[in-house]
């Protein structure tokens, strides 16, 4: 091989050695699928409704659609629910903790009453949108919300973004800051995680635009991320596959825009 070609190859390898994720990013969209999906059941009960959510999360309460507070047991985030009918296809749910509002949920039915879209608003957090598909139970002429629903987590997404920051850290290392944080090098070794349900992460640079992250908990691989940065360096897509602490399988795609 000619000397010039060798120099060109060496330069390419040097460029590829840098983490393409370095920079500050803002989440623009997210889609995830969890198996098994959450399930929602709404039934009429003596002028009130009984709501039960099961699956990854569990919630069970009975309330009237008049804005009156109803107690909720066993949930650390809130202990009171208020329901208010907005119109024939929309209901507002207010979650309170010791009298203080912690979240507001707007439930909206599709025109055919077979799809239910829930938008959750909470101070300091992005709006979260969850879509439910009617899976059983009769549609009620008096209350179209009544029935059994299956959550379509492939349509669950964040309306507003959350941020992450990736910085160079010494020779070939990076500092990652987001929902969790770590400092690591691209040497395949395990590095400790902070604020994560996993224990360690190891990094591999696949090419000039792609990074693989492998996460372990109790010495078992629990999650794999593939980060791909666009050719112009302005967009980054993270594809996650793994197992939650509950044993459920998850696949998630998140898209970030460089700030």
C-alpha atoms as a PDB file:
ATOM      1  CA  UNK A   1       0.000   0.000   0.000  1.00  0.00           C
ATOM      2  CA  UNK A   2       1.305   3.455  -0.872  1.00  0.00           C
ATOM      3  CA  UNK A   3       2.415   5.765   1.930  1.00  0.00           C
ATOM      4  CA  UNK A   4      -0.265   8.319   0.977  1.00  0.00           C
ATOM      5  CA  UNK A   5      -2.956   5.658   1.169  1.00  0.00           C
ATOM      6  CA  UNK A   6      -1.667   4.548   4.567  1.00  0.00           C
ATOM      7  CA  UNK A   7      -1.818   8.123   5.826  1.00  0.00           C
ATOM      8  CA  UNK A   8      -5.370   8.415   4.527  1.00  0.00           C
ATOM      9  CA  UNK A   9      -6.393   5.195   6.272  1.00  0.00           C
ATOM     10  CA  UNK A  10      -4.765   6.324   9.517  1.00  0.00           C
ATOM     11  CA  UNK A  11      -6.615   9.667   9.347  1.00  0.00           C
ATOM     12  CA  UNK A  12      -9.923   7.874   8.793  1.00  0.00           C
ATOM     13  CA  UNK A  13      -9.311   5.641  11.814  1.00  0.00           C
ATOM     14  CA  UNK A  14      -8.470   8.670  13.937  1.00  0.00           C
ATOM     15  CA  UNK A  15     -11.707  10.383  12.907  1.00  0.00           C
ATOM     16  CA  UNK A  16     -13.653   7.201  13.608  1.00  0.00           C
ATOM     17  CA  UNK A  17     -12.110   6.939  17.069  1.00  0.00           C
ATOM     18  CA  UNK A  18     -14.090   9.944  18.304  1.00  0.00           C
ATOM     19  CA  UNK A  19     -17.518   9.322  19.842  1.00  0.00           C
ATOM     20  CA  UNK A  20     -20.026  10.644  17.263  1.00  0.00           C
ATOM     21  CA  UNK A  21     -22.524  11.282  20.084  1.00  0.00           C
ATOM     22  CA  UNK A  22     -20.487  14.056  21.703  1.00  0.00           C
ATOM     23  CA  UNK A  23     -22.662  17.149  22.167  1.00  0.00           C
ATOM     24  CA  UNK A  24     -25.920  18.223  23.799  1.00  0.00           C
ATOM     25  CA  UNK A  25     -29.106  16.599  22.514  1.00  0.00           C
ATOM     26  CA  UNK A  26     -32.860  17.036  22.987  1.00  0.00           C
ATOM     27  CA  UNK A  27     -35.323  14.158  22.679  1.00  0.00           C
ATOM     28  CA  UNK A  28     -37.836  14.789  19.880  1.00  0.00           C
ATOM     29  CA  UNK A  29     -39.773  11.507  19.785  1.00  0.00           C
ATOM     30  CA  UNK A  30     -39.942   8.077  21.409  1.00  0.00           C
ATOM     31  CA  UNK A  31     -41.700   4.820  20.670  1.00  0.00           C
ATOM     32  CA  UNK A  32     -41.638   1.680  22.787  1.00  0.00           C
ATOM     33  CA  UNK A  33     -43.184  -1.758  22.920  1.00  0.00           C
ATOM     34  CA  UNK A  34     -43.426  -3.783  26.113  1.00  0.00           C
ATOM     35  CA  UNK A  35     -44.593  -7.404  26.315  1.00  0.00           C
ATOM     36  CA  UNK A  36     -47.062  -7.988  27.853  1.00  0.00           C
ATOM     37  CA  UNK A  37     -48.840  -4.633  27.353  1.00  0.00           C
ATOM     38  CA  UNK A  38     -50.680  -2.841  30.134  1.00  0.00           C
ATOM     39  CA  UNK A  39     -54.428  -3.327  30.326  1.00  0.00           C
ATOM     40  CA  UNK A  40     -57.142  -0.892  31.336  1.00  0.00           C
ATOM     41  CA  UNK A  41     -60.655  -1.824  32.492  1.00  0.00           C
ATOM     42  CA  UNK A  42     -63.453   0.734  33.029  1.00  0.00           C
ATOM     43  CA  UNK A  43     -66.821  -0.409  34.357  1.00  0.00           C
ATOM     44  CA  UNK A  44     -69.961   1.382  35.536  1.00  0.00           C
ATOM     45  CA  UNK A  45     -70.679   1.054  39.245  1.00  0.00           C
ATOM     46  CA  UNK A  46     -73.731   2.706  40.867  1.00  0.00           C
ATOM     47  CA  UNK A  47     -73.348   6.126  39.261  1.00  0.00           C
ATOM     48  CA  UNK A  48     -69.563   5.958  39.362  1.00  0.00           C
ATOM     49  CA  UNK A  49     -66.825   4.230  37.372  1.00  0.00           C
ATOM     50  CA  UNK A  50     -64.392   1.592  38.531  1.00  0.00           C
ATOM     51  CA  UNK A  51     -60.976   1.882  36.876  1.00  0.00           C
ATOM     52  CA  UNK A  52     -58.322  -0.830  37.042  1.00  0.00           C
ATOM     53  CA  UNK A  53     -54.914  -0.755  35.312  1.00  0.00           C
ATOM     54  CA  UNK A  54     -52.785  -3.900  35.337  1.00  0.00           C
ATOM     55  CA  UNK A  55     -49.546  -5.060  33.728  1.00  0.00           C
ATOM     56  CA  UNK A  56     -46.320  -3.114  34.166  1.00  0.00           C
ATOM     57  CA  UNK A  57     -48.178  -0.795  36.544  1.00  0.00           C
ATOM     58  CA  UNK A  58     -51.166  -1.414  38.809  1.00  0.00           C
ATOM     59  CA  UNK A  59     -53.838   1.088  39.797  1.00  0.00           C
ATOM     60  CA  UNK A  60     -57.358   0.497  41.084  1.00  0.00           C
ATOM     61  CA  UNK A  61     -59.954   3.102  42.116  1.00  0.00           C
ATOM     62  CA  UNK A  62     -63.640   4.027  42.016  1.00  0.00           C
ATOM     63  CA  UNK A  63     -64.778   7.621  41.420  1.00  0.00           C
ATOM     64  CA  UNK A  64     -67.742   9.716  40.278  1.00  0.00           C
ATOM     65  CA  UNK A  65     -67.565  11.946  37.191  1.00  0.00           C
ATOM     66  CA  UNK A  66     -68.400  15.119  39.083  1.00  0.00           C
ATOM     67  CA  UNK A  67     -65.044  16.449  40.188  1.00  0.00           C
ATOM     68  CA  UNK A  68     -65.402  14.958  43.682  1.00  0.00           C
ATOM     69  CA  UNK A  69     -62.227  13.592  45.209  1.00  0.00           C
ATOM     70  CA  UNK A  70     -61.865   9.833  45.651  1.00  0.00           C
ATOM     71  CA  UNK A  71     -59.160   8.155  47.716  1.00  0.00           C
ATOM     72  CA  UNK A  72     -56.558   5.965  46.017  1.00  0.00           C
ATOM     73  CA  UNK A  73     -54.641   3.416  48.046  1.00  0.00           C
ATOM     74  CA  UNK A  74     -51.184   1.959  47.519  1.00  0.00           C
ATOM     75  CA  UNK A  75     -49.767   4.543  45.110  1.00  0.00           C
ATOM     76  CA  UNK A  76     -46.797   6.609  46.385  1.00  0.00           C
ATOM     77  CA  UNK A  77     -47.168   9.306  43.695  1.00  0.00           C
ATOM     78  CA  UNK A  78     -50.754  10.349  44.537  1.00  0.00           C
ATOM     79  CA  UNK A  79     -53.525   9.434  46.972  1.00  0.00           C
ATOM     80  CA  UNK A  80     -56.585  11.180  45.503  1.00  0.00           C
ATOM     81  CA  UNK A  81     -58.325  11.198  42.112  1.00  0.00           C
ATOM     82  CA  UNK A  82     -60.858  13.637  40.671  1.00  0.00           C
ATOM     83  CA  UNK A  83     -62.806  12.878  37.471  1.00  0.00           C
ATOM     84  CA  UNK A  84     -64.620  15.478  35.379  1.00  0.00           C
ATOM     85  CA  UNK A  85     -66.510  14.974  32.132  1.00  0.00           C
ATOM     86  CA  UNK A  86     -65.521  17.637  29.575  1.00  0.00           C
ATOM     87  CA  UNK A  87     -67.804  16.476  26.766  1.00  0.00           C
ATOM     88  CA  UNK A  88     -69.134  13.188  25.389  1.00  0.00           C
ATOM     89  CA  UNK A  89     -65.679  12.147  24.167  1.00  0.00           C
ATOM     90  CA  UNK A  90     -63.342  13.697  26.768  1.00  0.00           C
ATOM     91  CA  UNK A  91     -62.674  13.184  30.471  1.00  0.00           C
ATOM     92  CA  UNK A  92     -60.209  15.003  32.713  1.00  0.00           C
ATOM     93  CA  UNK A  93     -58.447  13.096  35.490  1.00  0.00           C
ATOM     94  CA  UNK A  94     -56.670  15.042  38.241  1.00  0.00           C
ATOM     95  CA  UNK A  95     -54.190  13.245  40.483  1.00  0.00           C
ATOM     96  CA  UNK A  96     -53.446  14.805  43.875  1.00  0.00           C
ATOM     97  CA  UNK A  97     -51.005  14.111  46.673  1.00  0.00           C
ATOM     98  CA  UNK A  98     -52.218  15.343  50.076  1.00  0.00           C
ATOM     99  CA  UNK A  99     -54.416  17.932  48.329  1.00  0.00           C
ATOM    100  CA  UNK A 100     -51.764  19.164  45.861  1.00  0.00           C
ATOM    101  CA  UNK A 101     -52.182  18.500  42.131  1.00  0.00           C
ATOM    102  CA  UNK A 102     -49.315  16.337  40.840  1.00  0.00           C
ATOM    103  CA  UNK A 103     -50.636  15.434  37.360  1.00  0.00           C
ATOM    104  CA  UNK A 104     -53.550  16.102  35.003  1.00  0.00           C
ATOM    105  CA  UNK A 105     -54.662  13.533  32.431  1.00  0.00           C
ATOM    106  CA  UNK A 106     -56.893  14.279  29.447  1.00  0.00           C
ATOM    107  CA  UNK A 107     -58.598  11.166  28.038  1.00  0.00           C
ATOM    108  CA  UNK A 108     -60.070  11.524  24.548  1.00  0.00           C
ATOM    109  CA  UNK A 109     -62.053   8.928  22.602  1.00  0.00           C
ATOM    110  CA  UNK A 110     -61.844   8.536  18.840  1.00  0.00           C
ATOM    111  CA  UNK A 111     -65.057   9.119  16.869  1.00  0.00           C
ATOM    112  CA  UNK A 112     -65.688   5.380  16.580  1.00  0.00           C
ATOM    113  CA  UNK A 113     -64.994   4.988  20.346  1.00  0.00           C
ATOM    114  CA  UNK A 114     -62.442   2.232  19.686  1.00  0.00           C
ATOM    115  CA  UNK A 115     -59.284   4.207  20.549  1.00  0.00           C
ATOM    116  CA  UNK A 116     -58.565   6.135  23.733  1.00  0.00           C
ATOM    117  CA  UNK A 117     -55.721   8.681  23.848  1.00  0.00           C
ATOM    118  CA  UNK A 118     -54.426   9.798  27.260  1.00  0.00           C
ATOM    119  CA  UNK A 119     -52.267  12.919  27.560  1.00  0.00           C
ATOM    120  CA  UNK A 120     -50.553  13.311  30.942  1.00  0.00           C
ATOM    121  CA  UNK A 121     -49.316  16.756  32.005  1.00  0.00           C
ATOM    122  CA  UNK A 122     -47.015  17.090  34.999  1.00  0.00           C
ATOM    123  CA  UNK A 123     -44.916  20.046  36.166  1.00  0.00           C
ATOM    124  CA  UNK A 124     -41.253  19.606  35.363  1.00  0.00           C
ATOM    125  CA  UNK A 125     -41.875  16.687  32.994  1.00  0.00           C
ATOM    126  CA  UNK A 126     -42.660  16.397  29.289  1.00  0.00           C
ATOM    127  CA  UNK A 127     -46.242  15.603  28.317  1.00  0.00           C
ATOM    128  CA  UNK A 128     -46.670  11.874  27.827  1.00  0.00           C
ATOM    129  CA  UNK A 129     -49.158  10.494  25.314  1.00  0.00           C
ATOM    130  CA  UNK A 130     -50.477   6.946  25.639  1.00  0.00           C
ATOM    131  CA  UNK A 131     -52.867   5.260  23.190  1.00  0.00           C
ATOM    132  CA  UNK A 132     -55.271   2.480  24.208  1.00  0.00           C
ATOM    133  CA  UNK A 133     -57.183   0.202  21.828  1.00  0.00           C
ATOM    134  CA  UNK A 134     -60.528  -1.313  22.815  1.00  0.00           C
ATOM    135  CA  UNK A 135     -59.952  -5.044  23.205  1.00  0.00           C
ATOM    136  CA  UNK A 136     -63.145  -6.274  24.830  1.00  0.00           C
ATOM    137  CA  UNK A 137     -66.322  -5.350  26.592  1.00  0.00           C
ATOM    138  CA  UNK A 138     -69.345  -3.712  25.030  1.00  0.00           C
ATOM    139  CA  UNK A 139     -69.389  -0.066  24.094  1.00  0.00           C
ATOM    140  CA  UNK A 140     -71.959   1.584  26.342  1.00  0.00           C
ATOM    141  CA  UNK A 141     -74.435   4.005  24.833  1.00  0.00           C
ATOM    142  CA  UNK A 142     -74.442   6.042  28.048  1.00  0.00           C
ATOM    143  CA  UNK A 143     -70.692   5.907  28.725  1.00  0.00           C
ATOM    144  CA  UNK A 144     -68.501   5.111  25.686  1.00  0.00           C
ATOM    145  CA  UNK A 145     -65.401   4.946  27.924  1.00  0.00           C
ATOM    146  CA  UNK A 146     -66.691   1.749  29.535  1.00  0.00           C
ATOM    147  CA  UNK A 147     -64.938  -1.402  28.296  1.00  0.00           C
ATOM    148  CA  UNK A 148     -61.590  -3.163  28.310  1.00  0.00           C
ATOM    149  CA  UNK A 149     -58.577  -1.558  26.681  1.00  0.00           C
ATOM    150  CA  UNK A 150     -55.055  -2.649  25.698  1.00  0.00           C
ATOM    151  CA  UNK A 151     -52.273  -0.086  25.766  1.00  0.00           C
ATOM    152  CA  UNK A 152     -50.509   0.385  22.428  1.00  0.00           C
ATOM    153  CA  UNK A 153     -47.051   1.231  23.719  1.00  0.00           C
ATOM    154  CA  UNK A 154     -45.733   1.507  20.167  1.00  0.00           C
ATOM    155  CA  UNK A 155     -47.672   4.790  20.032  1.00  0.00           C
ATOM    156  CA  UNK A 156     -46.640   6.004  23.461  1.00  0.00           C
ATOM    157  CA  UNK A 157     -44.405   9.007  23.024  1.00  0.00           C
ATOM    158  CA  UNK A 158     -43.059  12.140  24.658  1.00  0.00           C
ATOM    159  CA  UNK A 159     -44.512  15.319  23.214  1.00  0.00           C
ATOM    160  CA  UNK A 160     -41.693  17.460  24.539  1.00  0.00           C
ATOM    161  CA  UNK A 161     -38.059  16.500  24.742  1.00  0.00           C
ATOM    162  CA  UNK A 162     -35.757  15.665  27.583  1.00  0.00           C
ATOM    163  CA  UNK A 163     -32.067  16.325  27.253  1.00  0.00           C
ATOM    164  CA  UNK A 164     -28.798  14.458  27.460  1.00  0.00           C
ATOM    165  CA  UNK A 165     -25.199  15.572  27.284  1.00  0.00           C
ATOM    166  CA  UNK A 166     -22.144  13.630  26.104  1.00  0.00           C
ATOM    167  CA  UNK A 167     -18.637  15.069  26.572  1.00  0.00           C
ATOM    168  CA  UNK A 168     -15.108  13.918  25.813  1.00  0.00           C
ATOM    169  CA  UNK A 169     -13.339  12.587  28.902  1.00  0.00           C
ATOM    170  CA  UNK A 170      -9.609  12.001  28.619  1.00  0.00           C
ATOM    171  CA  UNK A 171      -8.063   9.632  26.090  1.00  0.00           C
ATOM    172  CA  UNK A 172     -10.903   8.010  24.186  1.00  0.00           C
ATOM    173  CA  UNK A 173     -13.411   8.316  27.031  1.00  0.00           C
ATOM    174  CA  UNK A 174     -16.792  10.015  27.375  1.00  0.00           C
ATOM    175  CA  UNK A 175     -18.961  11.449  30.144  1.00  0.00           C
ATOM    176  CA  UNK A 176     -22.649  10.688  29.624  1.00  0.00           C
ATOM    177  CA  UNK A 177     -25.373  12.654  31.457  1.00  0.00           C
ATOM    178  CA  UNK A 178     -29.109  12.021  31.079  1.00  0.00           C
ATOM    179  CA  UNK A 179     -31.644  10.068  33.143  1.00  0.00           C
ATOM    180  CA  UNK A 180     -28.561   8.189  34.332  1.00  0.00           C
ATOM    181  CA  UNK A 181     -24.853   8.992  34.050  1.00  0.00           C
ATOM    182  CA  UNK A 182     -21.456   7.367  33.615  1.00  0.00           C
ATOM    183  CA  UNK A 183     -17.856   7.890  32.488  1.00  0.00           C
ATOM    184  CA  UNK A 184     -16.461   5.162  30.207  1.00  0.00           C
ATOM    185  CA  UNK A 185     -13.944   4.324  27.507  1.00  0.00           C
ATOM    186  CA  UNK A 186     -14.334   2.327  24.305  1.00  0.00           C
ATOM    187  CA  UNK A 187     -12.372  -0.645  25.571  1.00  0.00           C
ATOM    188  CA  UNK A 188     -15.134  -3.192  26.248  1.00  0.00           C
ATOM    189  CA  UNK A 189     -14.615  -2.941  30.000  1.00  0.00           C
ATOM    190  CA  UNK A 190     -17.484  -2.461  32.438  1.00  0.00           C
ATOM    191  CA  UNK A 191     -17.985   0.969  34.020  1.00  0.00           C
ATOM    192  CA  UNK A 192     -20.300   1.887  36.887  1.00  0.00           C
ATOM    193  CA  UNK A 193     -23.636   3.607  36.274  1.00  0.00           C
ATOM    194  CA  UNK A 194     -25.257   6.253  38.462  1.00  0.00           C
ATOM    195  CA  UNK A 195     -29.040   6.652  38.941  1.00  0.00           C
ATOM    196  CA  UNK A 196     -29.784   3.530  36.898  1.00  0.00           C
ATOM    197  CA  UNK A 197     -31.515   0.208  37.534  1.00  0.00           C
ATOM    198  CA  UNK A 198     -28.522  -1.372  35.784  1.00  0.00           C
ATOM    199  CA  UNK A 199     -25.098  -1.687  37.382  1.00  0.00           C
ATOM    200  CA  UNK A 200     -22.543  -1.233  34.589  1.00  0.00           C
ATOM    201  CA  UNK A 201     -22.098  -0.225  30.942  1.00  0.00           C
ATOM    202  CA  UNK A 202     -19.489  -1.179  28.335  1.00  0.00           C
ATOM    203  CA  UNK A 203     -18.978   0.722  25.064  1.00  0.00           C
ATOM    204  CA  UNK A 204     -17.972  -0.256  21.558  1.00  0.00           C
ATOM    205  CA  UNK A 205     -17.372   2.093  18.618  1.00  0.00           C
ATOM    206  CA  UNK A 206     -18.855   0.303  15.582  1.00  0.00           C
ATOM    207  CA  UNK A 207     -17.990   2.950  12.983  1.00  0.00           C
ATOM    208  CA  UNK A 208     -17.720   6.725  12.642  1.00  0.00           C
ATOM    209  CA  UNK A 209     -21.485   7.133  13.195  1.00  0.00           C
ATOM    210  CA  UNK A 210     -22.439   4.178  15.428  1.00  0.00           C
ATOM    211  CA  UNK A 211     -21.907   3.312  19.104  1.00  0.00           C
ATOM    212  CA  UNK A 212     -23.055   0.160  20.928  1.00  0.00           C
ATOM    213  CA  UNK A 213     -23.701   0.210  24.688  1.00  0.00           C
ATOM    214  CA  UNK A 214     -24.188  -2.983  26.723  1.00  0.00           C
ATOM    215  CA  UNK A 215     -25.724  -2.744  30.207  1.00  0.00           C
ATOM    216  CA  UNK A 216     -25.505  -5.354  32.956  1.00  0.00           C
ATOM    217  CA  UNK A 217     -27.307  -5.937  36.233  1.00  0.00           C
ATOM    218  CA  UNK A 218     -26.129  -8.618  38.671  1.00  0.00           C
ATOM    219  CA  UNK A 219     -23.534  -9.623  36.035  1.00  0.00           C
ATOM    220  CA  UNK A 220     -26.269 -10.402  33.488  1.00  0.00           C
ATOM    221  CA  UNK A 221     -26.798  -8.461  30.237  1.00  0.00           C
ATOM    222  CA  UNK A 222     -30.111  -6.644  30.631  1.00  0.00           C
ATOM    223  CA  UNK A 223     -30.049  -3.999  27.888  1.00  0.00           C
ATOM    224  CA  UNK A 224     -28.342  -3.183  24.596  1.00  0.00           C
ATOM    225  CA  UNK A 225     -28.389   0.256  22.980  1.00  0.00           C
ATOM    226  CA  UNK A 226     -27.332   1.132  19.462  1.00  0.00           C
ATOM    227  CA  UNK A 227     -26.755   4.840  18.877  1.00  0.00           C
ATOM    228  CA  UNK A 228     -26.648   6.028  15.255  1.00  0.00           C
ATOM    229  CA  UNK A 229     -25.778   9.636  14.384  1.00  0.00           C
ATOM    230  CA  UNK A 230     -26.959  10.996  11.031  1.00  0.00           C
ATOM    231  CA  UNK A 231     -24.425  11.853   8.315  1.00  0.00           C
ATOM    232  CA  UNK A 232     -24.851  15.591   8.973  1.00  0.00           C
ATOM    233  CA  UNK A 233     -24.407  15.079  12.720  1.00  0.00           C
ATOM    234  CA  UNK A 234     -27.666  16.798  13.700  1.00  0.00           C
ATOM    235  CA  UNK A 235     -29.849  13.786  14.581  1.00  0.00           C
ATOM    236  CA  UNK A 236     -29.209  10.725  16.728  1.00  0.00           C
ATOM    237  CA  UNK A 237     -31.356   7.591  17.011  1.00  0.00           C
ATOM    238  CA  UNK A 238     -31.074   5.209  19.957  1.00  0.00           C
ATOM    239  CA  UNK A 239     -32.555   1.712  19.609  1.00  0.00           C
ATOM    240  CA  UNK A 240     -32.879  -0.176  22.904  1.00  0.00           C
ATOM    241  CA  UNK A 241     -33.633  -3.847  23.504  1.00  0.00           C
ATOM    242  CA  UNK A 242     -33.657  -5.340  26.954  1.00  0.00           C
ATOM    243  CA  UNK A 243     -35.434  -6.725  29.987  1.00  0.00           C
ATOM    244  CA  UNK A 244     -37.084  -4.658  32.707  1.00  0.00           C
ATOM    245  CA  UNK A 245     -36.666  -5.519  36.399  1.00  0.00           C
ATOM    246  CA  UNK A 246     -40.176  -7.029  36.195  1.00  0.00           C
ATOM    247  CA  UNK A 247     -38.945  -9.492  33.549  1.00  0.00           C
ATOM    248  CA  UNK A 248     -40.819  -7.793  30.717  1.00  0.00           C
ATOM    249  CA  UNK A 249     -39.125  -7.450  27.331  1.00  0.00           C
ATOM    250  CA  UNK A 250     -38.845  -3.949  25.900  1.00  0.00           C
ATOM    251  CA  UNK A 251     -37.838  -2.463  22.561  1.00  0.00           C
ATOM    252  CA  UNK A 252     -37.640   1.296  22.291  1.00  0.00           C
ATOM    253  CA  UNK A 253     -36.550   3.822  19.687  1.00  0.00           C
ATOM    254  CA  UNK A 254     -35.705   7.388  20.681  1.00  0.00           C
ATOM    255  CA  UNK A 255     -34.739  10.228  18.349  1.00  0.00           C
ATOM    256  CA  UNK A 256     -32.623  13.169  19.529  1.00  0.00           C
ATOM    257  CA  UNK A 257     -31.830  16.489  17.854  1.00  0.00           C
ATOM    258  CA  UNK A 258     -28.493  18.216  18.511  1.00  0.00           C
ATOM    259  CA  UNK A 259     -28.799  21.579  20.279  1.00  0.00           C
END
